[in-house]
PDB file of N, CA and C in Angstrom:
ATOM      1  N   MET A   1    -130.274 -53.203-162.172  1.00  0.00           N
ATOM      2  CA  MET A   1    -130.217 -53.543-163.378  1.00  0.00           C
ATOM      3  C   MET A   1    -131.786 -53.831-164.123  1.00  0.00           C
ATOM      4  N   ASP A   2    -132.052 -53.355-165.321  1.00  0.00           N
ATOM      5  CA  ASP A   2    -133.402 -53.473-165.686  1.00  0.00           C
ATOM      6  C   ASP A   2    -133.744 -54.938-166.097  1.00  0.00           C
ATOM      7  N   LEU A   3    -135.157 -54.990-165.854  1.00  0.00           N
ATOM      8  CA  LEU A   3    -135.479 -56.426-166.051  1.00  0.00           C
ATOM      9  C   LEU A   3    -135.393 -56.899-167.388  1.00  0.00           C
ATOM     10  N   VAL A   4    -135.687 -55.905-168.383  1.00  0.00           N
ATOM     11  CA  VAL A   4    -135.602 -56.488-169.876  1.00  0.00           C
ATOM     12  C   VAL A   4    -134.257 -57.107-170.233  1.00  0.00           C
ATOM     13  N   LEU A   5    -133.292 -56.542-169.508  1.00  0.00           N
ATOM     14  CA  LEU A   5    -131.841 -57.358-169.972  1.00  0.00           C
ATOM     15  C   LEU A   5    -131.667 -58.324-169.083  1.00  0.00           C
ATOM     16  N   GLN A   6    -132.375 -59.000-168.442  1.00  0.00           N
ATOM     17  CA  GLN A   6    -131.930 -60.017-167.618  1.00  0.00           C
ATOM     18  C   GLN A   6    -132.427 -61.405-168.099  1.00  0.00           C
ATOM     19  N   ARG A   7    -131.786 -62.440-167.748  1.00  0.00           N
ATOM     20  CA  ARG A   7    -132.086 -63.712-168.279  1.00  0.00           C
ATOM     21  C   ARG A   7    -132.573 -64.662-166.999  1.00  0.00           C
ATOM     22  N   CYS A   8    -133.342 -65.670-167.278  1.00  0.00           N
ATOM     23  CA  CYS A   8    -133.652 -66.714-166.220  1.00  0.00           C
ATOM     24  C   CYS A   8    -132.427 -67.212-165.412  1.00  0.00           C
ATOM     25  N   SER A   9    -132.674 -67.396-164.059  1.00  0.00           N
ATOM     26  CA  SER A   9    -131.572 -67.963-163.245  1.00  0.00           C
ATOM     27  C   SER A   9    -131.384 -69.418-163.796  1.00  0.00           C
ATOM     28  N   ILE A  10    -132.625 -70.336-163.941  1.00  0.00           N
ATOM     29  CA  ILE A  10    -132.411 -71.458-164.255  1.00  0.00           C
ATOM     30  C   ILE A  10    -132.302 -71.978-165.798  1.00  0.00           C
ATOM     31  N   HIS A  11    -133.175 -71.003-166.717  1.00  0.00           N
ATOM     32  CA  HIS A  11    -133.202 -71.256-168.394  1.00  0.00           C
ATOM     33  C   HIS A  11    -132.527 -70.093-168.857  1.00  0.00           C
ATOM     34  N   ARG A  12    -131.157 -69.899-169.172  1.00  0.00           N
ATOM     35  CA  ARG A  12    -130.438 -68.975-169.451  1.00  0.00           C
ATOM     36  C   ARG A  12    -130.845 -68.407-170.876  1.00  0.00           C
ATOM     37  N   ASP A  13    -131.634 -69.428-171.744  1.00  0.00           N
ATOM     38  CA  ASP A  13    -131.952 -69.068-173.214  1.00  0.00           C
ATOM     39  C   ASP A  13    -133.304 -68.223-172.925  1.00  0.00           C
ATOM     40  N   ARG A  14    -133.754 -68.043-171.958  1.00  0.00           N
ATOM     41  CA  ARG A  14    -135.059 -67.354-171.827  1.00  0.00           C
ATOM     42  C   ARG A  14    -134.956 -66.106-170.924  1.00  0.00           C
ATOM     43  N   GLU A  15    -135.659 -65.151-171.605  1.00  0.00           N
ATOM     44  CA  GLU A  15    -135.615 -63.739-170.780  1.00  0.00           C
ATOM     45  C   GLU A  15    -136.488 -63.895-169.467  1.00  0.00           C
ATOM     46  N   ALA A  16    -136.074 -63.026-168.506  1.00  0.00           N
ATOM     47  CA  ALA A  16    -136.786 -63.121-167.301  1.00  0.00           C
ATOM     48  C   ALA A  16    -137.830 -61.831-167.204  1.00  0.00           C
ATOM     49  N   VAL A  17    -139.145 -62.558-166.692  1.00  0.00           N
ATOM     50  CA  VAL A  17    -140.299 -61.700-166.548  1.00  0.00           C
ATOM     51  C   VAL A  17    -140.707 -61.334-164.930  1.00  0.00           C
ATOM     52  N   VAL A  18    -139.810 -61.922-164.133  1.00  0.00           N
ATOM     53  CA  VAL A  18    -140.269 -61.627-162.869  1.00  0.00           C
ATOM     54  C   VAL A  18    -138.894 -61.746-161.834  1.00  0.00           C
ATOM     55  N   ARG A  19    -138.663 -60.982-160.884  1.00  0.00           N
ATOM     56  CA  ARG A  19    -137.650 -61.016-159.931  1.00  0.00           C
ATOM     57  C   ARG A  19    -138.270 -61.491-158.816  1.00  0.00           C
ATOM     58  N   CYS A  20    -137.736 -62.376-158.100  1.00  0.00           N
ATOM     59  CA  CYS A  20    -138.457 -63.322-156.938  1.00  0.00           C
ATOM     60  C   CYS A  20    -137.986 -62.247-155.667  1.00  0.00           C
ATOM     61  N   PRO A  21    -139.014 -61.918-154.824  1.00  0.00           N
ATOM     62  CA  PRO A  21    -138.951 -60.793-153.745  1.00  0.00           C
ATOM     63  C   PRO A  21    -137.987 -61.725-152.519  1.00  0.00           C
ATOM     64  N   GLY A  22    -138.176 -63.145-152.673  1.00  0.00           N
ATOM     65  CA  GLY A  22    -137.232 -63.919-151.641  1.00  0.00           C
ATOM     66  C   GLY A  22    -135.946 -63.838-151.870  1.00  0.00           C
ATOM     67  N   CYS A  23    -135.336 -64.349-152.876  1.00  0.00           N
ATOM     68  CA  CYS A  23    -134.085 -64.422-153.013  1.00  0.00           C
ATOM     69  C   CYS A  23    -133.504 -63.567-153.923  1.00  0.00           C
ATOM     70  N   SER A  24    -134.346 -62.474-154.607  1.00  0.00           N
ATOM     71  CA  SER A  24    -133.752 -61.547-155.592  1.00  0.00           C
ATOM     72  C   SER A  24    -133.412 -62.064-156.870  1.00  0.00           C
ATOM     73  N   GLY A  25    -133.719 -63.420-157.324  1.00  0.00           N
ATOM     74  CA  GLY A  25    -133.201 -63.934-158.610  1.00  0.00           C
ATOM     75  C   GLY A  25    -134.315 -63.372-159.557  1.00  0.00           C
ATOM     76  N   TYR A  26    -133.817 -63.629-160.955  1.00  0.00           N
ATOM     77  CA  TYR A  26    -134.561 -63.401-161.876  1.00  0.00           C
ATOM     78  C   TYR A  26    -135.197 -64.755-162.660  1.00  0.00           C
ATOM     79  N   PHE A  27    -136.357 -64.685-162.984  1.00  0.00           N
ATOM     80  CA  PHE A  27    -137.109 -66.105-163.543  1.00  0.00           C
ATOM     81  C   PHE A  27    -137.694 -65.735-164.587  1.00  0.00           C
ATOM     82  N   CYS A  28    -138.054 -66.802-165.472  1.00  0.00           N
ATOM     83  CA  CYS A  28    -138.881 -66.699-166.704  1.00  0.00           C
ATOM     84  C   CYS A  28    -140.536 -67.397-165.778  1.00  0.00           C
ATOM     85  N   ARG A  29    -141.468 -67.316-166.835  1.00  0.00           N
ATOM     86  CA  ARG A  29    -142.613 -67.416-166.556  1.00  0.00           C
ATOM     87  C   ARG A  29    -142.841 -68.843-166.046  1.00  0.00           C
ATOM     88  N   GLU A  30    -142.152 -69.910-166.701  1.00  0.00           N
ATOM     89  CA  GLU A  30    -142.408 -71.279-166.125  1.00  0.00           C
ATOM     90  C   GLU A  30    -141.677 -71.337-164.547  1.00  0.00           C
ATOM     91  N   CYS A  31    -140.738 -70.731-164.009  1.00  0.00           N
ATOM     92  CA  CYS A  31    -140.291 -70.715-162.902  1.00  0.00           C
ATOM     93  C   CYS A  31    -140.639 -70.113-161.816  1.00  0.00           C
ATOM     94  N   VAL A  32    -141.684 -69.594-161.659  1.00  0.00           N
ATOM     95  CA  VAL A  32    -142.459 -68.876-160.622  1.00  0.00           C
ATOM     96  C   VAL A  32    -143.967 -69.195-160.382  1.00  0.00           C
ATOM     97  N   THR A  33    -144.336 -68.874-159.304  1.00  0.00           N
ATOM     98  CA  THR A  33    -145.789 -69.362-158.808  1.00  0.00           C
ATOM     99  C   THR A  33    -146.149 -68.180-158.060  1.00  0.00           C
ATOM    100  N   GLU A  34    -147.514 -67.808-158.097  1.00  0.00           N
ATOM    101  CA  GLU A  34    -147.995 -66.927-157.450  1.00  0.00           C
ATOM    102  C   GLU A  34    -148.568 -67.358-155.961  1.00  0.00           C
ATOM    103  N   HIS A  35    -148.021 -66.742-155.379  1.00  0.00           N
ATOM    104  CA  HIS A  35    -148.399 -67.223-153.781  1.00  0.00           C
ATOM    105  C   HIS A  35    -148.602 -66.068-152.996  1.00  0.00           C
ATOM    106  N   GLU A  36    -150.046 -65.728-152.285  1.00  0.00           N
ATOM    107  CA  GLU A  36    -150.422 -64.618-151.589  1.00  0.00           C
ATOM    108  C   GLU A  36    -150.000 -63.133-152.095  1.00  0.00           C
ATOM    109  N   GLY A  37    -150.115 -63.148-153.535  1.00  0.00           N
ATOM    110  CA  GLY A  37    -149.882 -61.883-154.376  1.00  0.00           C
ATOM    111  C   GLY A  37    -148.706 -61.795-154.774  1.00  0.00           C
ATOM    112  N   LYS A  38    -147.745 -62.544-154.566  1.00  0.00           N
ATOM    113  CA  LYS A  38    -146.361 -62.520-154.753  1.00  0.00           C
ATOM    114  C   LYS A  38    -145.775 -63.625-155.773  1.00  0.00           C
ATOM    115  N   PHE A  39    -144.830 -63.155-156.813  1.00  0.00           N
ATOM    116  CA  PHE A  39    -144.564 -64.195-157.343  1.00  0.00           C
ATOM    117  C   PHE A  39    -143.127 -64.804-156.923  1.00  0.00           C
ATOM    118  N   LEU A  40    -143.134 -66.326-156.903  1.00  0.00           N
ATOM    119  CA  LEU A  40    -141.885 -66.695-155.876  1.00  0.00           C
ATOM    120  C   LEU A  40    -141.464 -67.843-156.653  1.00  0.00           C
ATOM    121  N   CYS A  41    -140.166 -67.903-156.541  1.00  0.00           N
ATOM    122  CA  CYS A  41    -139.470 -69.069-157.416  1.00  0.00           C
ATOM    123  C   CYS A  41    -139.787 -70.346-156.681  1.00  0.00           C
ATOM    124  N   SER A  42    -139.675 -71.483-156.991  1.00  0.00           N
ATOM    125  CA  SER A  42    -139.866 -72.934-156.504  1.00  0.00           C
ATOM    126  C   SER A  42    -139.069 -72.918-154.809  1.00  0.00           C
ATOM    127  N   SER A  43    -137.766 -72.547-154.818  1.00  0.00           N
ATOM    128  CA  SER A  43    -137.060 -72.717-153.711  1.00  0.00           C
ATOM    129  C   SER A  43    -137.541 -71.780-152.626  1.00  0.00           C
ATOM    130  N   CYS A  44    -137.979 -70.655-153.096  1.00  0.00           N
ATOM    131  CA  CYS A  44    -138.473 -69.668-151.980  1.00  0.00           C
ATOM    132  C   CYS A  44    -139.795 -70.072-151.621  1.00  0.00           C
ATOM    133  N   LEU A  45    -140.814 -70.778-152.650  1.00  0.00           N
ATOM    134  CA  LEU A  45    -142.168 -70.756-152.067  1.00  0.00           C
ATOM    135  C   LEU A  45    -142.039 -72.181-151.191  1.00  0.00           C
ATOM    136  N   ARG A  46    -140.996 -73.041-151.397  1.00  0.00           N
ATOM    137  CA  ARG A  46    -140.803 -74.576-150.724  1.00  0.00           C
ATOM    138  C   ARG A  46    -140.358 -73.913-149.103  1.00  0.00           C
ATOM    139  N   ARG A  47    -139.738 -73.114-148.928  1.00  0.00           N
ATOM    140  CA  ARG A  47    -139.163 -72.188-147.699  1.00  0.00           C
ATOM    141  C   ARG A  47    -140.240 -71.877-147.001  1.00  0.00           C
ATOM    142  N   LYS A  48    -141.250 -70.961-147.773  1.00  0.00           N
ATOM    143  CA  LYS A  48    -142.040 -70.334-147.094  1.00  0.00           C
ATOM    144  C   LYS A  48    -143.131 -71.283-146.514  1.00  0.00           C
ATOM    145  N   SER A  49    -143.428 -72.345-147.430  1.00  0.00           N
ATOM    146  CA  SER A  49    -144.649 -73.127-147.129  1.00  0.00           C
ATOM    147  C   SER A  49    -144.100 -74.095-145.990  1.00  0.00           C
ATOM    148  N   GLY A  50    -142.884 -74.284-145.622  1.00  0.00           N
ATOM    149  CA  GLY A  50    -142.354 -75.206-144.913  1.00  0.00           C
ATOM    150  C   GLY A  50    -142.008 -76.436-145.096  1.00  0.00           C
ATOM    151  N   LEU A  51    -141.973 -76.852-146.363  1.00  0.00           N
ATOM    152  CA  LEU A  51    -141.741 -78.246-146.767  1.00  0.00           C
ATOM    153  C   LEU A  51    -140.358 -78.365-147.080  1.00  0.00           C
ATOM    154  N   ASP A  52    -139.355 -77.489-146.698  1.00  0.00           N
ATOM    155  CA  ASP A  52    -137.862 -77.337-146.847  1.00  0.00           C
ATOM    156  C   ASP A  52    -137.155 -77.937-145.655  1.00  0.00           C
ATOM    157  N   ARG A  53    -137.856 -78.344-144.786  1.00  0.00           N
ATOM    158  CA  ARG A  53    -137.348 -78.564-143.158  1.00  0.00           C
ATOM    159  C   ARG A  53    -136.749 -79.893-143.188  1.00  0.00           C
ATOM    160  N   GLN A  54    -135.631 -79.896-143.018  1.00  0.00           N
ATOM    161  CA  GLN A  54    -135.023 -81.092-142.732  1.00  0.00           C
ATOM    162  C   GLN A  54    -134.991 -81.311-141.344  1.00  0.00           C
ATOM    163  N   PRO A  55    -134.693 -82.790-140.910  1.00  0.00           N
ATOM    164  CA  PRO A  55    -134.678 -83.355-139.533  1.00  0.00           C
ATOM    165  C   PRO A  55    -133.631 -82.761-139.001  1.00  0.00           C
ATOM    166  N   THR A  56    -133.409 -82.398-137.691  1.00  0.00           N
ATOM    167  CA  THR A  56    -132.222 -81.866-137.258  1.00  0.00           C
ATOM    168  C   THR A  56    -131.222 -83.218-136.910  1.00  0.00           C
ATOM    169  N   ARG A  57    -129.978 -82.332-136.634  1.00  0.00           N
ATOM    170  CA  ARG A  57    -128.918 -83.440-136.529  1.00  0.00           C
ATOM    171  C   ARG A  57    -129.038 -84.294-135.505  1.00  0.00           C
ATOM    172  N   ALA A  58    -129.543 -83.566-134.097  1.00  0.00           N
ATOM    173  CA  ALA A  58    -129.847 -84.272-133.104  1.00  0.00           C
ATOM    174  C   ALA A  58    -130.605 -85.501-133.106  1.00  0.00           C
ATOM    175  N   ARG A  59    -131.845 -85.098-133.851  1.00  0.00           N
ATOM    176  CA  ARG A  59    -132.869 -86.351-134.129  1.00  0.00           C
ATOM    177  C   ARG A  59    -132.459 -87.319-134.810  1.00  0.00           C
ATOM    178  N   GLY A  60    -131.518 -87.011-136.089  1.00  0.00           N
ATOM    179  CA  GLY A  60    -130.822 -88.009-136.779  1.00  0.00           C
ATOM    180  C   GLY A  60    -129.475 -88.797-136.270  1.00  0.00           C
ATOM    181  N   ARG A  61    -129.197 -88.196-135.311  1.00  0.00           N
ATOM    182  CA  ARG A  61    -128.078 -88.843-134.383  1.00  0.00           C
ATOM    183  C   ARG A  61    -128.959 -89.718-133.192  1.00  0.00           C
ATOM    184  N   ILE A  62    -129.928 -89.223-132.643  1.00  0.00           N
ATOM    185  CA  ILE A  62    -130.680 -89.999-131.680  1.00  0.00           C
ATOM    186  C   ILE A  62    -131.270 -91.374-132.221  1.00  0.00           C
ATOM    187  N   ALA A  63    -132.119 -90.994-133.541  1.00  0.00           N
ATOM    188  CA  ALA A  63    -132.494 -92.128-134.183  1.00  0.00           C
ATOM    189  C   ALA A  63    -131.532 -93.123-134.491  1.00  0.00           C
ATOM    190  N   GLY A  64    -130.165 -92.848-135.106  1.00  0.00           N
ATOM    191  CA  GLY A  64    -129.342 -93.443-135.408  1.00  0.00           C
ATOM    192  C   GLY A  64    -128.666 -94.418-134.109  1.00  0.00           C
ATOM    193  N   ALA A  65    -128.778 -93.849-132.862  1.00  0.00           N
ATOM    194  CA  ALA A  65    -128.116 -94.639-131.980  1.00  0.00           C
ATOM    195  C   ALA A  65    -129.416 -95.676-131.258  1.00  0.00           C
ATOM    196  N   ILE A  66    -130.692 -95.257-131.433  1.00  0.00           N
ATOM    197  CA  ILE A  66    -131.650 -95.990-131.110  1.00  0.00           C
ATOM    198  C   ILE A  66    -131.622 -97.222-132.164  1.00  0.00           C
ATOM    199  N   GLY A  67    -131.454 -97.037-133.253  1.00  0.00           N
ATOM    200  CA  GLY A  67    -131.008 -98.103-134.461  1.00  0.00           C
ATOM    201  C   GLY A  67    -130.223 -99.107-134.046  1.00  0.00           C
ATOM    202  N   VAL A  68    -128.814 -98.572-133.755  1.00  0.00           N
ATOM    203  CA  VAL A  68    -127.903 -99.348-133.538  1.00  0.00           C
ATOM    204  C   VAL A  68    -128.333-100.285-132.176  1.00  0.00           C
ATOM    205  N   ILE A  69    -128.947 -99.839-131.104  1.00  0.00           N
ATOM    206  CA  ILE A  69    -129.169-100.360-129.894  1.00  0.00           C
ATOM    207  C   ILE A  69    -130.253-101.448-130.148  1.00  0.00           C
ATOM    208  N   VAL A  70    -131.181-101.506-130.805  1.00  0.00           N
ATOM    209  CA  VAL A  70    -132.442-102.066-131.215  1.00  0.00           C
ATOM    210  C   VAL A  70    -131.571-103.362-132.018  1.00  0.00           C
ATOM    211  N   GLY A  71    -130.410-103.112-132.953  1.00  0.00           N
ATOM    212  CA  GLY A  71    -130.175-103.711-133.749  1.00  0.00           C
ATOM    213  C   GLY A  71    -129.164-104.845-133.049  1.00  0.00           C
ATOM    214  N   VAL A  72    -128.208-104.339-132.121  1.00  0.00           N
ATOM    215  CA  VAL A  72    -127.452-105.138-131.256  1.00  0.00           C
ATOM    216  C   VAL A  72    -128.468-106.123-130.411  1.00  0.00           C
ATOM    217  N   THR A  73    -129.338-105.366-129.779  1.00  0.00           N
ATOM    218  CA  THR A  73    -130.220-106.436-128.938  1.00  0.00           C
ATOM    219  C   THR A  73    -130.777-107.269-129.638  1.00  0.00           C
ATOM    220  N   MET A  74    -131.321-107.277-130.829  1.00  0.00           N
ATOM    221  CA  MET A  74    -132.055-108.150-131.678  1.00  0.00           C
ATOM    222  C   MET A  74    -130.987-109.201-132.028  1.00  0.00           C
ATOM    223  N   ALA A  75    -129.678-109.027-132.267  1.00  0.00           N
ATOM    224  CA  ALA A  75    -128.595-109.743-132.561  1.00  0.00           C
ATOM    225  C   ALA A  75    -128.575-110.716-131.406  1.00  0.00           C
ATOM    226  N   TRP A  76    -128.361-109.791-130.367  1.00  0.00           N
ATOM    227  CA  TRP A  76    -127.931-110.727-128.902  1.00  0.00           C
ATOM    228  C   TRP A  76    -128.964-111.700-128.719  1.00  0.00           C
ATOM    229  N   PHE A  77    -130.395-111.290-128.925  1.00  0.00           N
ATOM    230  CA  PHE A  77    -131.300-112.262-128.486  1.00  0.00           C
ATOM    231  C   PHE A  77    -131.545-113.536-129.440  1.00  0.00           C
ATOM    232  N   LEU A  78    -130.816-113.324-130.782  1.00  0.00           N
ATOM    233  CA  LEU A  78    -131.205-114.383-131.779  1.00  0.00           C
ATOM    234  C   LEU A  78    -129.923-115.417-131.500  1.00  0.00           C
ATOM    235  N   PHE A  79    -128.678-114.706-131.230  1.00  0.00           N
ATOM    236  CA  PHE A  79    -127.630-115.723-130.625  1.00  0.00           C
ATOM    237  C   PHE A  79    -127.929-116.423-129.497  1.00  0.00           C
ATOM    238  N   TYR A  80    -128.492-115.771-128.416  1.00  0.00           N
ATOM    239  CA  TYR A  80    -129.139-116.367-127.193  1.00  0.00           C
ATOM    240  C   TYR A  80    -130.089-117.456-127.370  1.00  0.00           C
ATOM    241  N   LEU A  81    -131.020-117.341-128.351  1.00  0.00           N
ATOM    242  CA  LEU A  81    -131.653-118.364-128.665  1.00  0.00           C
ATOM    243  C   LEU A  81    -131.061-119.618-129.284  1.00  0.00           C
ATOM    244  N   ALA A  82    -130.208-119.544-130.214  1.00  0.00           N
ATOM    245  CA  ALA A  82    -129.404-120.409-130.788  1.00  0.00           C
ATOM    246  C   ALA A  82    -128.841-121.409-129.925  1.00  0.00           C
ATOM    247  N   GLY A  83    -128.032-120.534-128.846  1.00  0.00           N
ATOM    248  CA  GLY A  83    -127.457-121.202-128.032  1.00  0.00           C
ATOM    249  C   GLY A  83    -127.889-122.076-127.059  1.00  0.00           C
ATOM    250  N   ARG A  84    -129.320-121.792-126.616  1.00  0.00           N
ATOM    251  CA  ARG A  84    -130.327-122.300-126.068  1.00  0.00           C
ATOM    252  C   ARG A  84    -130.846-123.429-126.785  1.00  0.00           C
ATOM    253  N   LEU A  85    -131.017-123.357-127.878  1.00  0.00           N
ATOM    254  CA  LEU A  85    -131.426-124.460-128.787  1.00  0.00           C
ATOM    255  C   LEU A  85    -130.032-125.479-128.653  1.00  0.00           C
ATOM    256  N   LEU A  86    -128.942-125.131-129.048  1.00  0.00           N
ATOM    257  CA  LEU A  86    -127.534-126.052-128.898  1.00  0.00           C
ATOM    258  C   LEU A  86    -127.677-127.055-127.566  1.00  0.00           C
ATOM    259  N   ILE A  87    -127.986-126.098-126.725  1.00  0.00           N
ATOM    260  CA  ILE A  87    -127.707-127.011-125.266  1.00  0.00           C
ATOM    261  C   ILE A  87    -129.078-127.744-125.248  1.00  0.00           C
ATOM    262  N   LEU A  88    -129.953-127.701-125.786  1.00  0.00           N
ATOM    263  CA  LEU A  88    -130.850-128.995-125.403  1.00  0.00           C
ATOM    264  C   LEU A  88    -130.380-130.103-126.233  1.00  0.00           C
ATOM    265  N   ILE A  89    -129.710-129.978-127.443  1.00  0.00           N
ATOM    266  CA  ILE A  89    -129.027-131.262-128.197  1.00  0.00           C
ATOM    267  C   ILE A  89    -128.177-132.232-127.219  1.00  0.00           C
ATOM    268  N   PRO A  90    -128.666-133.358-127.168  1.00  0.00           N
ATOM    269  CA  PRO A  90    -127.920-134.381-126.279  1.00  0.00           C
ATOM    270  C   PRO A  90    -126.647-134.411-126.570  1.00  0.00           C
ATOM    271  N   PRO A  91    -125.428-134.424-125.597  1.00  0.00           N
ATOM    272  CA  PRO A  91    -124.325-134.632-125.825  1.00  0.00           C
ATOM    273  C   PRO A  91    -123.761-135.538-126.819  1.00  0.00           C
ATOM    274  N   ASN A  92    -124.182-137.057-126.350  1.00  0.00           N
ATOM    275  CA  ASN A  92    -123.992-138.299-126.949  1.00  0.00           C
ATOM    276  C   ASN A  92    -124.852-138.277-128.632  1.00  0.00           C
ATOM    277  N   LEU A  93    -125.202-137.395-129.419  1.00  0.00           N
ATOM    278  CA  LEU A  93    -125.928-137.322-130.115  1.00  0.00           C
ATOM    279  C   LEU A  93    -125.090-138.047-131.490  1.00  0.00           C
ATOM    280  N   HIS A  94    -124.029-137.732-131.391  1.00  0.00           N
ATOM    281  CA  HIS A  94    -122.979-138.162-132.316  1.00  0.00           C
ATOM    282  C   HIS A  94    -122.024-139.454-132.098  1.00  0.00           C
ATOM    283  N   ASP A  95    -122.543-140.080-130.958  1.00  0.00           N
ATOM    284  CA  ASP A  95    -121.997-141.359-130.916  1.00  0.00           C
ATOM    285  C   ASP A  95    -122.649-142.755-131.610  1.00  0.00           C
ATOM    286  N   ILE A  96    -121.629-143.050-132.188  1.00  0.00           N
ATOM    287  CA  ILE A  96    -122.087-144.408-133.196  1.00  0.00           C
ATOM    288  C   ILE A  96    -123.105-145.210-132.180  1.00  0.00           C
ATOM    289  N   HIS A  97    -122.527-145.594-131.172  1.00  0.00           N
ATOM    290  CA  HIS A  97    -123.609-146.445-130.211  1.00  0.00           C
ATOM    291  C   HIS A  97    -124.794-145.799-129.907  1.00  0.00           C
ATOM    292  N   TYR A  98    -124.839-144.827-129.861  1.00  0.00           N
ATOM    293  CA  TYR A  98    -126.110-143.990-129.325  1.00  0.00           C
ATOM    294  C   TYR A  98    -127.070-144.088-130.451  1.00  0.00           C
ATOM    295  N   LEU A  99    -126.395-143.735-131.571  1.00  0.00           N
ATOM    296  CA  LEU A  99    -127.396-143.849-133.064  1.00  0.00           C
ATOM    297  C   LEU A  99    -128.039-145.192-133.331  1.00  0.00           C
ATOM    298  N   LYS A 100    -127.066-146.065-133.063  1.00  0.00           N
ATOM    299  CA  LYS A 100    -127.494-147.786-133.215  1.00  0.00           C
ATOM    300  C   LYS A 100    -128.286-148.147-132.442  1.00  0.00           C
ATOM    301  N   GLY A 101    -128.058-147.510-130.962  1.00  0.00           N
ATOM    302  CA  GLY A 101    -129.390-148.145-130.056  1.00  0.00           C
ATOM    303  C   GLY A 101    -128.439-149.525-129.476  1.00  0.00           C
ATOM    304  N   ILE A 102    -127.335-149.416-129.457  1.00  0.00           N
ATOM    305  CA  ILE A 102    -126.424-150.267-128.757  1.00  0.00           C
ATOM    306  C   ILE A 102    -125.657-149.846-127.447  1.00  0.00           C
ATOM    307  N   GLY A 103    -125.741-150.207-126.648  1.00  0.00           N
ATOM    308  CA  GLY A 103    -125.096-150.075-125.346  1.00  0.00           C
ATOM    309  C   GLY A 103    -125.610-149.215-124.502  1.00  0.00           C
TER     310      GLY A 103
END
């Protein structure tokens, strides 16, 4: 189809001036950037520059598993310390005679 009749893929009210060689979409002047002698749209430019890389699922799952393990370990350690502190409290602390010094 002729470029003159095309509209921008993002801004439908503007006429297209460039066809992106990466995705074959039509874009206006504001939606393209020159890169290595070619006019590319923002998504193709991001893909070409490597900024569009997402962490792999395996990394995400490993990081999540490590986070769960660290969290459970920290919670266990805090409860362990609380238990050790409770053990240090004398058993007759609440005895009324112990508090008054009688007997």
